[in-house]
C-alpha cells in the first residue's frame, strides 16, 4: 500500500522537491507500501507563478496587450537619461509585470526584455515613417509617435536651458540708431563705464545684444569658435603692427586663423572650396613680372644693404594689386628681389654678349629704368659741380684767420693757374667762351638741382601717402574678414 501527502512552502524558497520515503523494515526488500511527500511552492499575492517564470524567456512573443501596456508606461518615463536608464527600465518592467498579473497575462518580463522590445518597436516606427502607408500598417504608430514627439520636446527644452548661460554673448552690428540709443543710455546712467565701448562703430561682442534677424541662440562650440577667431585676429593685428610683416592675402589670413584654431583642437577642418587656395609658385607670369617691374622702377635705385623693408613694401603693394585682380598667387619680398635680380642678370648678359634684345621680353623695361638712373646720376653730378664752382677766392667763411689764409692761398693758386693758361686762351680766343660756358652751366646746375629736390620731395610725399592708404586698406580688409566670419557663424546657426 502507498500513501502520499503534500507540504506547501512559500515560493521564495524556490525549491520544489519530490521526496519519497519508505518504511524501513529489517527486510527492506520485502516492503509492500511507501509514502510520497511532495513540497509544492505557493505563489505570493501579486506575483506570477514559477511555472510562468519558467515558461517566459527572451524568445517568448509579446501579445498586443503587453505591447500597448509597455508603450503607455514608456511614454510616462520619457525622457530616459542614459546614466539612469537601468533603474528606469527596471521600474518599467516592475510596473508591466504588475499590470500583467492584474490582467491575468501569464508572462514575466525583465528590464532587458522591456528595453529590447521597445527598441524593436522604435525601429519599426522609423521604418513605417518612411513609407507612405506605414501609419496604417503599423498598429502602434500613433502611440509611439506621441512618445517620440514628447522626447523631442524634452531635448529642445534641455538644449534651451543649457544655452541660457551663453545667451548673453551674441554678435551685434551697430547702426546709427543703435549708437543714438547707446548715447541716451549712457546719459541716463553715467556710472556705467562698461557701455562706453558701445559707441565704437563696427563689430564687437556685447552683453545682451542680438542681431535683429537672429532669434536662435549660439551653441557652446559656435561661441568658442567665434571668440577664438576674434582673439586670433587681435593677436595677428598686434604682430603686424610690431613686426611690420608683409601684406598677406585675405584668403590666406582666414586660413591662418583657422589653422591656429585647428592646432588647438577647437575647430573642425575648414571647407576651403569657397576661399582661394594659398599658393606660392616659383613661376612668374608675364602680368606679374611686368607689374613687379613697374613697382621696382619707382623704387630704383635700391641700396644693396639693409634693403629688406624696401622689398617687403614692394611685395606688399604687389600682393595687394594681385588680390584686386583676382590672382591667388602671393609673393614675399625675397621672391620679388630674386626675380628682379634674375632679370637684371639677363639684361647684362645681353649687353655683354651683344645678343639680339628681342629675345628678352623685358629688355626695353629694364633699359628704361637704367637710362633714367643714368640721367638722374648725371643731374646729381652737375649739381655737385655747380656747388664746387661757387667757391671763389673772395669767399671768406666766418671762421678766423686760418680759414682766411687758406682761402687766400687757394685763390692764389687758382690765379697762378689761370695766368699759366692765359696765353693759350689769348692765342685761341676761347678763354672767354670757356668762362661763359661755366657761368651758363652754373645757372643750369642750380635749376636742375632745384627741380631734382622738388621731384624728390614729391616722390617722398607720394610714397608716404601710398603707405598710409595701404595701411588703411589693410585695416578695412581685416574688419571685413572678421565680419564675414561672424556672418558665416550666424548663418550656420540659423540653418540649424
Protein backbone atom coordinates (compact mmCIF):
# COMPACT_ATOMS: atom_id res chain seq x y z
CA UNK A 1 0.00 0.00 0.00
CA UNK A 2 1.30 3.50 -0.94
CA UNK A 3 0.36 6.80 0.75
CA UNK A 4 1.24 10.41 -0.21
CA UNK A 5 0.63 13.90 1.17
CA UNK A 6 1.60 17.48 0.16
CA UNK A 7 3.54 20.11 2.12
CA UNK A 8 3.08 23.72 0.98
CA UNK A 9 6.12 26.03 1.32
CA UNK A 10 6.47 29.71 0.31
CA UNK A 11 7.56 30.38 -3.26
CA UNK A 12 10.57 32.48 -2.36
CA UNK A 13 12.38 29.39 -1.13
CA UNK A 14 12.43 28.45 -4.80
CA UNK A 15 12.52 24.72 -4.21
CA UNK A 16 10.20 22.03 -5.36
CA UNK A 17 11.12 18.65 -4.04
CA UNK A 18 9.60 15.28 -4.52
CA UNK A 19 10.68 13.27 -1.65
CA UNK A 20 9.84 9.65 -1.44
CA UNK A 21 10.33 7.79 1.81
CA UNK A 22 9.86 4.19 2.53
CA UNK A 23 9.07 2.32 5.68
CA UNK A 24 12.30 0.94 6.86
CA UNK A 25 11.97 -2.65 7.87
CA UNK A 26 14.61 -5.13 8.60
CA UNK A 27 13.79 -6.87 5.33
CA UNK A 28 13.83 -3.74 3.26
CA UNK A 29 13.34 -5.66 0.05
CA UNK A 30 10.03 -7.07 1.29
CA UNK A 31 8.42 -3.64 1.85
CA UNK A 32 4.91 -3.59 0.40
CA UNK A 33 3.99 0.09 0.89
CA UNK A 34 5.57 3.59 0.61
CA UNK A 35 4.69 7.19 1.43
CA UNK A 36 5.25 10.16 -1.02
CA UNK A 37 5.96 13.63 0.44
CA UNK A 38 5.57 16.40 -2.18
CA UNK A 39 6.68 20.01 -1.48
CA UNK A 40 4.56 22.43 -3.56
CA UNK A 41 5.55 26.15 -3.67
CA UNK A 42 2.79 28.65 -3.01
CA UNK A 43 2.66 31.90 -5.07
CA UNK A 44 2.78 35.20 -3.19
CA UNK A 45 -0.05 37.67 -3.84
CA UNK A 46 0.57 39.91 -6.89
CA UNK A 47 3.34 37.72 -8.37
CA UNK A 48 3.18 35.26 -11.26
CA UNK A 49 3.68 31.63 -10.60
CA UNK A 50 7.04 29.95 -11.03
CA UNK A 51 5.67 28.00 -13.98
CA UNK A 52 5.01 31.28 -15.74
CA UNK A 53 8.53 32.46 -14.98
CA UNK A 54 9.97 29.24 -16.37
CA UNK A 55 7.87 29.47 -19.49
CA UNK A 56 8.94 33.12 -20.04
CA UNK A 57 12.19 33.51 -21.99
CA UNK A 58 13.60 36.02 -24.48
CA UNK A 59 12.04 34.08 -27.32
CA UNK A 60 8.52 34.41 -25.94
CA UNK A 61 6.24 36.50 -28.14
CA UNK A 62 4.71 39.69 -26.86
CA UNK A 63 0.97 39.99 -27.05
CA UNK A 64 -0.81 43.07 -28.34
CA UNK A 65 -1.95 43.98 -24.83
CA UNK A 66 1.62 43.75 -23.48
CA UNK A 67 2.92 45.97 -26.27
CA UNK A 68 0.32 48.62 -25.56
CA UNK A 69 0.94 48.45 -21.80
CA UNK A 70 4.71 48.77 -22.41
CA UNK A 71 4.30 51.78 -24.73
CA UNK A 72 1.96 53.52 -22.28
CA UNK A 73 4.42 53.06 -19.40
CA UNK A 74 7.36 54.08 -21.61
CA UNK A 75 5.68 57.39 -22.50
CA UNK A 76 5.28 58.27 -18.82
CA UNK A 77 9.01 57.77 -18.20
CA UNK A 78 10.28 59.92 -21.07
CA UNK A 79 12.87 61.27 -21.41
CA UNK A 80 15.06 58.39 -20.23
CA UNK A 81 18.53 59.55 -19.22
CA UNK A 82 21.35 57.27 -20.29
CA UNK A 83 23.10 57.37 -16.93
CA UNK A 84 19.99 56.22 -15.05
CA UNK A 85 18.43 54.08 -17.76
CA UNK A 86 18.92 50.77 -15.92
CA UNK A 87 16.86 51.95 -12.95
CA UNK A 88 14.15 53.40 -15.17
CA UNK A 89 13.80 50.21 -17.18
CA UNK A 90 13.64 48.16 -14.00
CA UNK A 91 10.76 50.30 -12.80
CA UNK A 92 9.07 49.92 -16.21
CA UNK A 93 9.45 46.13 -16.05
CA UNK A 94 8.08 46.03 -12.49
CA UNK A 95 5.03 48.10 -13.40
CA UNK A 96 4.45 46.00 -16.54
CA UNK A 97 4.58 42.75 -14.56
CA UNK A 98 2.09 44.10 -12.05
CA UNK A 99 -0.20 45.11 -14.92
CA UNK A 100 0.12 41.64 -16.47
CA UNK A 101 -0.68 40.00 -13.15
CA UNK A 102 -3.79 42.12 -12.69
CA UNK A 103 -4.97 41.48 -16.24
CA UNK A 104 -4.28 37.76 -15.94
CA UNK A 105 -1.49 37.68 -18.52
CA UNK A 106 0.80 34.79 -17.77
CA UNK A 107 4.11 36.50 -18.58
CA UNK A 108 7.00 37.93 -16.61
CA UNK A 109 9.28 40.49 -18.26
CA UNK A 110 12.72 41.69 -17.22
CA UNK A 111 14.18 45.18 -17.69
CA UNK A 112 16.41 43.94 -20.52
CA UNK A 113 13.43 42.40 -22.31
CA UNK A 114 11.40 45.59 -22.00
CA UNK A 115 14.21 47.76 -23.32
CA UNK A 116 14.91 45.40 -26.22
CA UNK A 117 11.22 45.21 -27.13
CA UNK A 118 10.89 48.98 -27.05
CA UNK A 119 13.89 49.38 -29.35
CA UNK A 120 12.31 46.99 -31.85
CA UNK A 121 9.10 48.99 -31.75
CA UNK A 122 11.01 52.26 -32.30
CA UNK A 123 12.83 50.74 -35.27
CA UNK A 124 9.53 49.58 -36.77
CA UNK A 125 8.14 53.08 -36.22
CA UNK A 126 11.06 54.68 -38.07
CA UNK A 127 10.64 52.26 -40.97
CA UNK A 128 6.92 52.92 -41.13
CA UNK A 129 7.53 56.66 -41.05
CA UNK A 130 9.49 56.46 -44.28
CA UNK A 131 6.69 54.59 -46.04
CA UNK A 132 3.57 56.25 -47.37
CA UNK A 133 1.14 53.73 -45.86
CA UNK A 134 3.29 52.91 -42.82
CA UNK A 135 0.87 54.57 -40.40
CA UNK A 136 -1.90 52.21 -41.43
CA UNK A 137 0.19 49.05 -41.41
CA UNK A 138 1.96 49.63 -38.10
CA UNK A 139 -0.51 49.17 -35.24
CA UNK A 140 1.38 51.21 -32.67
CA UNK A 141 2.35 54.12 -34.94
CA UNK A 142 0.28 56.81 -33.22
CA UNK A 143 1.23 55.75 -29.68
CA UNK A 144 4.95 55.70 -30.43
CA UNK A 145 4.68 58.91 -32.44
CA UNK A 146 3.33 60.70 -29.37
CA UNK A 147 6.24 59.39 -27.32
CA UNK A 148 8.83 60.43 -29.91
CA UNK A 149 7.38 63.95 -30.09
CA UNK A 150 7.50 64.16 -26.32
CA UNK A 151 11.14 63.07 -26.41
CA UNK A 152 11.97 65.76 -28.99
CA UNK A 153 10.28 68.45 -26.92
CA UNK A 154 12.25 67.36 -23.87
CA UNK A 155 15.51 67.55 -25.82
CA UNK A 156 14.72 71.04 -27.07
CA UNK A 157 13.89 72.17 -23.56
CA UNK A 158 17.17 70.76 -22.25
CA UNK A 159 19.06 72.46 -25.07
CA UNK A 160 17.36 75.77 -24.35
CA UNK A 161 18.19 75.58 -20.65
CA UNK A 162 21.81 74.83 -21.42
CA UNK A 163 22.11 77.85 -23.70
CA UNK A 164 20.80 80.30 -21.14
CA UNK A 165 24.33 80.54 -19.78
CA UNK A 166 25.82 81.72 -23.06
CA UNK A 167 22.79 83.54 -24.42
CA UNK A 168 24.18 86.94 -23.42
CA UNK A 169 27.14 86.64 -25.79
CA UNK A 170 25.68 87.49 -29.17
CA UNK A 171 27.16 89.25 -32.24
CA UNK A 172 25.78 92.69 -33.00
CA UNK A 173 26.11 95.26 -35.76
CA UNK A 174 25.91 98.91 -34.78
CA UNK A 175 23.76 101.21 -36.85
CA UNK A 176 23.33 104.92 -36.31
CA UNK A 177 20.08 104.33 -34.44
CA UNK A 178 21.81 101.90 -32.11
CA UNK A 179 24.56 104.42 -31.43
CA UNK A 180 21.95 107.06 -30.57
CA UNK A 181 20.23 104.68 -28.20
CA UNK A 182 23.53 103.83 -26.59
CA UNK A 183 24.28 107.52 -26.10
CA UNK A 184 20.90 108.02 -24.41
CA UNK A 185 21.54 105.07 -22.12
CA UNK A 186 24.94 106.47 -21.21
CA UNK A 187 23.35 109.81 -20.36
CA UNK A 188 20.80 108.11 -18.11
CA UNK A 189 23.44 106.12 -16.25
CA UNK A 190 26.79 107.88 -16.03
CA UNK A 191 28.19 105.33 -13.61
CA UNK A 192 28.12 102.54 -16.21
CA UNK A 193 31.57 102.81 -17.72
CA UNK A 194 31.36 99.46 -19.46
CA UNK A 195 28.93 100.80 -22.09
CA UNK A 196 31.45 103.31 -23.43
CA UNK A 197 32.64 100.73 -25.93
CA UNK A 198 29.15 100.61 -27.50
CA UNK A 199 29.79 103.95 -29.18
CA UNK A 200 32.51 102.40 -31.34
CA UNK A 201 31.47 101.54 -34.84
CA UNK A 202 31.79 98.04 -36.27
CA UNK A 203 31.50 94.60 -34.79
CA UNK A 204 32.08 93.66 -31.18
CA UNK A 205 30.78 91.28 -28.54
CA UNK A 206 28.36 92.88 -26.12
CA UNK A 207 26.20 91.59 -23.31
CA UNK A 208 22.55 91.17 -24.10
CA UNK A 209 22.85 92.41 -27.70
CA UNK A 210 21.44 90.30 -30.54
CA UNK A 211 21.15 90.52 -34.27
CA UNK A 212 17.73 91.89 -35.35
CA UNK A 213 17.21 88.92 -37.68
CA UNK A 214 18.63 86.23 -35.41
CA UNK A 215 16.45 84.51 -32.82
CA UNK A 216 18.39 81.26 -32.38
CA UNK A 217 20.99 81.11 -29.56
CA UNK A 218 24.52 80.06 -30.37
CA UNK A 219 25.80 76.67 -29.32
CA UNK A 220 28.80 76.45 -26.97
CA UNK A 221 31.03 75.28 -29.81
CA UNK A 222 29.98 78.18 -32.01
CA UNK A 223 30.62 80.70 -29.23
CA UNK A 224 34.05 79.19 -28.64
CA UNK A 225 34.77 79.35 -32.35
CA UNK A 226 33.71 82.98 -32.59
CA UNK A 227 35.74 84.04 -29.55
CA UNK A 228 38.78 82.17 -30.82
CA UNK A 229 38.59 83.87 -34.20
CA UNK A 230 38.37 87.31 -32.60
CA UNK A 231 41.32 86.56 -30.31
CA UNK A 232 43.45 85.29 -33.19
CA UNK A 233 42.55 88.35 -35.25
CA UNK A 234 43.61 90.67 -32.43
CA UNK A 235 46.88 88.79 -31.96
CA UNK A 236 47.54 88.94 -35.68
CA UNK A 237 46.93 92.70 -35.82
CA UNK A 238 49.31 93.25 -32.91
CA UNK A 239 52.02 91.17 -34.58
CA UNK A 240 51.55 93.07 -37.84
CA UNK A 241 51.93 96.40 -36.05
CA UNK A 242 55.02 95.26 -34.13
CA UNK A 243 56.94 93.37 -36.81
CA UNK A 244 55.74 95.22 -39.94
CA UNK A 245 55.11 91.90 -41.66
CA UNK A 246 54.45 91.83 -45.43
CA UNK A 247 50.98 92.01 -46.89
CA UNK A 248 49.01 88.75 -46.64
CA UNK A 249 46.12 87.83 -48.89
CA UNK A 250 42.74 87.88 -47.04
CA UNK A 251 42.07 84.27 -48.02
CA UNK A 252 45.47 83.29 -46.69
CA UNK A 253 44.85 85.16 -43.45
CA UNK A 254 41.49 83.41 -42.91
CA UNK A 255 43.17 80.06 -43.42
CA UNK A 256 45.96 81.02 -40.99
CA UNK A 257 43.46 81.92 -38.28
CA UNK A 258 41.51 78.71 -38.83
CA UNK A 259 44.70 76.61 -38.87
CA UNK A 260 45.69 78.06 -35.49
CA UNK A 261 42.29 77.10 -34.12
CA UNK A 262 42.62 73.59 -35.56
CA UNK A 263 46.02 73.18 -33.91
CA UNK A 264 44.34 73.96 -30.59
CA UNK A 265 41.73 71.29 -31.24
CA UNK A 266 38.90 73.81 -31.08
CA UNK A 267 37.58 73.74 -34.65
CA UNK A 268 36.99 71.15 -37.38
CA UNK A 269 38.81 71.47 -40.71
CA UNK A 270 37.54 74.42 -42.73
CA UNK A 271 35.88 73.96 -46.08
CA UNK A 272 38.27 75.84 -48.33
CA UNK A 273 36.22 75.47 -51.51
CA UNK A 274 34.85 79.00 -51.13
CA UNK A 275 38.22 80.68 -50.44
CA UNK A 276 41.10 80.95 -52.92
CA UNK A 277 43.88 78.46 -52.17
CA UNK A 278 47.14 79.69 -50.73
CA UNK A 279 49.69 79.18 -53.49
CA UNK A 280 53.23 80.44 -53.79
CA UNK A 281 54.56 79.15 -57.09
CA UNK A 282 58.12 79.75 -58.28
CA UNK A 283 56.90 80.57 -61.80
CA UNK A 284 56.08 84.15 -62.66
CA UNK A 285 53.50 85.06 -65.26
CA UNK A 286 54.06 87.88 -67.75
CA UNK A 287 51.50 90.10 -65.98
CA UNK A 288 53.15 89.53 -62.61
CA UNK A 289 56.61 90.29 -63.96
CA UNK A 290 55.58 93.49 -65.71
CA UNK A 291 53.72 94.83 -62.68
CA UNK A 292 56.70 93.98 -60.46
CA UNK A 293 58.96 95.94 -62.80
CA UNK A 294 56.61 98.92 -62.68
CA UNK A 295 56.80 98.98 -58.87
CA UNK A 296 60.54 98.38 -58.85
CA UNK A 297 61.02 101.27 -61.31
CA UNK A 298 59.53 103.70 -58.80
CA UNK A 299 61.81 102.42 -56.03
CA UNK A 300 65.01 102.24 -58.10
CA UNK A 301 67.83 102.54 -57.18
CA UNK A 302 67.61 100.26 -54.15
CA UNK A 303 70.53 100.06 -51.77
CA UNK A 304 72.17 96.65 -51.57
CA UNK A 305 72.46 96.94 -47.80
CA UNK A 306 69.52 96.96 -45.40
CA UNK A 307 67.01 96.79 -48.23
CA UNK A 308 64.71 94.29 -46.53
CA UNK A 309 62.00 96.83 -45.73
CA UNK A 310 62.03 98.21 -49.26
CA UNK A 311 61.48 94.79 -50.80
CA UNK A 312 58.79 93.97 -48.26
CA UNK A 313 56.98 97.18 -49.22
CA UNK A 314 57.27 96.19 -52.89
CA UNK A 315 55.86 92.73 -52.13
CA UNK A 316 53.03 94.24 -50.12
CA UNK A 317 52.00 96.57 -52.93
CA UNK A 318 52.38 93.76 -55.46
CA UNK A 319 50.20 91.31 -53.48
CA UNK A 320 47.54 93.96 -52.98
CA UNK A 321 47.30 94.59 -56.71
CA UNK A 322 47.25 90.85 -57.50
CA UNK A 323 44.44 90.30 -54.98
CA UNK A 324 42.38 93.06 -56.60
CA UNK A 325 42.92 91.41 -59.98
CA UNK A 326 41.70 88.05 -58.62
CA UNK A 327 45.10 86.32 -58.83
CA UNK A 328 45.62 83.92 -55.94
CA UNK A 329 49.42 83.98 -56.13
CA UNK A 330 51.24 85.89 -53.42
CA UNK A 331 54.92 86.77 -53.26
CA UNK A 332 57.35 87.55 -50.50
CA UNK A 333 59.98 90.26 -50.52
CA UNK A 334 62.73 87.69 -51.10
CA UNK A 335 60.91 86.28 -54.12
CA UNK A 336 60.49 89.74 -55.63
CA UNK A 337 64.16 90.55 -55.10
CA UNK A 338 65.30 87.28 -56.70
CA UNK A 339 63.01 87.81 -59.67
CA UNK A 340 64.37 91.29 -60.35
CA UNK A 341 67.95 90.04 -59.86
CA UNK A 342 67.34 87.35 -62.48
CA UNK A 343 66.02 89.92 -64.93
CA UNK A 344 68.99 92.23 -64.32
CA UNK A 345 71.45 89.39 -64.94
CA UNK A 346 69.70 88.52 -68.19
CA UNK A 347 69.81 92.17 -69.29
CA UNK A 348 73.54 92.46 -68.53
CA UNK A 349 74.23 89.20 -70.34
CA UNK A 350 72.59 90.54 -73.50
CA UNK A 351 74.55 93.81 -73.23
CA UNK A 352 77.86 91.97 -72.87
CA UNK A 353 77.33 89.26 -75.47
CA UNK A 354 75.61 91.53 -77.99
CA UNK A 355 72.71 89.15 -78.30
CA UNK A 356 69.53 90.29 -80.00
CA UNK A 357 67.44 92.24 -77.41
CA UNK A 358 64.24 90.94 -78.93
CA UNK A 359 64.93 87.55 -77.37
CA UNK A 360 64.41 89.14 -73.95
CA UNK A 361 60.82 90.31 -73.44
CA UNK A 362 61.66 92.80 -70.69
CA UNK A 363 64.74 94.37 -72.26
CA UNK A 364 63.07 97.70 -73.00
CA UNK A 365 61.61 97.98 -69.50
CA UNK A 366 64.98 97.43 -67.85
CA UNK A 367 66.77 99.75 -70.28
CA UNK A 368 64.27 102.50 -69.46
CA UNK A 369 64.99 102.08 -65.74
CA UNK A 370 68.77 102.11 -66.19
CA UNK A 371 68.69 105.08 -68.57
CA UNK A 372 66.58 107.02 -66.12
CA UNK A 373 69.05 106.19 -63.37
CA UNK A 374 71.94 107.46 -65.51
CA UNK A 375 70.09 110.69 -66.19
CA UNK A 376 69.41 111.24 -62.50
CA UNK A 377 73.04 110.47 -61.67
CA UNK A 378 74.16 112.99 -64.29
CA UNK A 379 71.96 115.68 -62.76
CA UNK A 380 73.45 114.96 -59.36
CA UNK A 381 76.96 115.23 -60.76
CA UNK A 382 76.18 118.52 -62.48
CA UNK A 383 74.63 119.87 -59.31
CA UNK A 384 77.70 118.90 -57.33
CA UNK A 385 79.96 120.55 -59.89
CA UNK A 386 77.91 123.73 -59.63
CA UNK A 387 78.48 123.88 -55.89
CA UNK A 388 82.22 123.43 -56.40
CA UNK A 389 82.34 126.29 -58.91
CA UNK A 390 80.59 128.61 -56.49
CA UNK A 391 83.69 128.53 -54.29
CA UNK A 392 85.71 131.68 -55.22
CA UNK A 393 88.75 133.48 -53.76
CA UNK A 394 86.52 136.25 -52.47
CA UNK A 395 84.52 133.81 -50.36
CA UNK A 396 85.54 134.07 -46.70
CA UNK A 397 83.70 131.92 -44.14
CA UNK A 398 83.35 133.33 -40.65
CA UNK A 399 85.94 131.11 -39.11
CA UNK A 400 89.07 133.12 -38.33
CA UNK A 401 92.48 133.99 -39.77
CA UNK A 402 93.41 130.40 -40.54
CA UNK A 403 90.37 129.94 -42.77
CA UNK A 404 91.05 133.26 -44.42
CA UNK A 405 94.67 132.40 -45.12
CA UNK A 406 93.71 129.01 -46.55
CA UNK A 407 91.18 130.70 -48.80
CA UNK A 408 93.73 133.24 -49.97
CA UNK A 409 96.27 130.53 -50.70
CA UNK A 410 93.67 128.59 -52.62
CA UNK A 411 92.74 131.74 -54.54
CA UNK A 412 96.38 132.49 -55.26
CA UNK A 413 96.99 129.02 -56.61
CA UNK A 414 93.96 129.31 -58.87
CA UNK A 415 95.14 132.76 -60.08
CA UNK A 416 98.54 131.31 -60.93
CA UNK A 417 96.95 128.50 -62.83
CA UNK A 418 94.82 130.94 -64.81
CA UNK A 419 97.89 133.06 -65.64
CA UNK A 420 99.70 130.00 -66.91
CA UNK A 421 96.76 129.16 -69.11
CA UNK A 422 96.11 132.77 -70.18
CA UNK A 423 98.48 132.86 -73.18
CA UNK A 424 96.91 129.72 -74.57
CA UNK A 425 93.47 131.28 -74.12
CA UNK A 426 94.50 134.57 -75.69
CA UNK A 427 96.05 132.79 -78.65
CA UNK A 428 92.95 130.73 -79.36
CA UNK A 429 90.34 133.23 -78.21
CA UNK A 430 88.47 130.57 -76.28
CA UNK A 431 89.15 131.72 -72.70
CA UNK A 432 86.15 133.98 -72.52
CA UNK A 433 83.99 131.37 -74.14
CA UNK A 434 85.04 128.83 -71.51
CA UNK A 435 84.14 131.20 -68.69
CA UNK A 436 80.82 131.93 -70.32
CA UNK A 437 80.07 128.22 -70.63
CA UNK A 438 80.92 127.71 -66.97
CA UNK A 439 78.59 130.53 -65.97
CA UNK A 440 75.81 129.04 -68.04
CA UNK A 441 76.46 125.59 -66.58
CA UNK A 442 76.38 127.10 -63.10
CA UNK A 443 72.93 128.59 -63.74
CA UNK A 444 71.65 125.41 -65.34
CA UNK A 445 73.00 123.29 -62.49
CA UNK A 446 71.13 125.38 -59.93
CA UNK A 447 67.90 125.00 -61.83
CA UNK A 448 68.46 121.26 -62.20
CA UNK A 449 69.21 120.94 -58.51
CA UNK A 450 66.03 122.76 -57.52
CA UNK A 451 63.98 120.64 -59.90
CA UNK A 452 65.61 117.49 -58.59
CA UNK A 453 64.93 118.40 -54.96
CA UNK A 454 61.32 119.24 -55.72
CA UNK A 455 60.86 115.96 -57.56
CA UNK A 456 62.46 114.04 -54.70
CA UNK A 457 60.19 115.74 -52.18
CA UNK A 458 57.14 114.99 -54.31
CA UNK A 459 58.08 111.32 -54.58
CA UNK A 460 58.60 111.11 -50.82
CA UNK A 461 55.17 112.58 -50.16
CA UNK A 462 53.62 110.22 -52.69
CA UNK A 463 55.36 107.23 -51.10
CA UNK A 464 54.17 108.03 -47.58
CA UNK A 465 50.65 108.70 -48.86
CA UNK A 466 50.59 105.28 -50.55
CA UNK A 467 51.85 103.64 -47.37
CA UNK A 468 49.07 105.30 -45.36
CA UNK A 469 46.47 104.21 -47.93
CA UNK A 470 47.75 100.63 -47.81
CA UNK A 471 47.58 100.59 -44.02
CA UNK A 472 44.01 101.87 -44.10
CA UNK A 473 43.06 99.31 -46.73
CA UNK A 474 44.61 96.51 -44.69
CA UNK A 475 42.65 97.54 -41.59
CA UNK A 476 39.45 97.65 -43.62
CA UNK A 477 40.08 94.19 -45.04
CA UNK A 478 40.77 92.79 -41.57
CA UNK A 479 37.49 94.19 -40.29
CA UNK A 480 35.61 92.84 -43.32
CA UNK A 481 37.22 89.44 -42.74
CA UNK A 482 36.03 89.34 -39.13
CA UNK A 483 32.55 90.41 -40.13
CA UNK A 484 32.43 87.72 -42.80
CA UNK A 485 33.39 85.05 -40.28
CA UNK A 486 30.70 86.18 -37.88
CA UNK A 487 28.11 86.22 -40.66
CA UNK A 488 29.08 82.64 -41.56
CA UNK A 489 28.63 81.56 -37.94
CA UNK A 490 25.24 83.26 -37.68
CA UNK A 491 24.15 81.70 -40.96
CA UNK A 492 25.16 78.25 -39.74
CA UNK A 493 23.15 78.77 -36.54
CA UNK A 494 20.07 79.86 -38.46
CA UNK A 495 20.32 76.87 -40.81
CA UNK A 496 20.48 74.50 -37.84
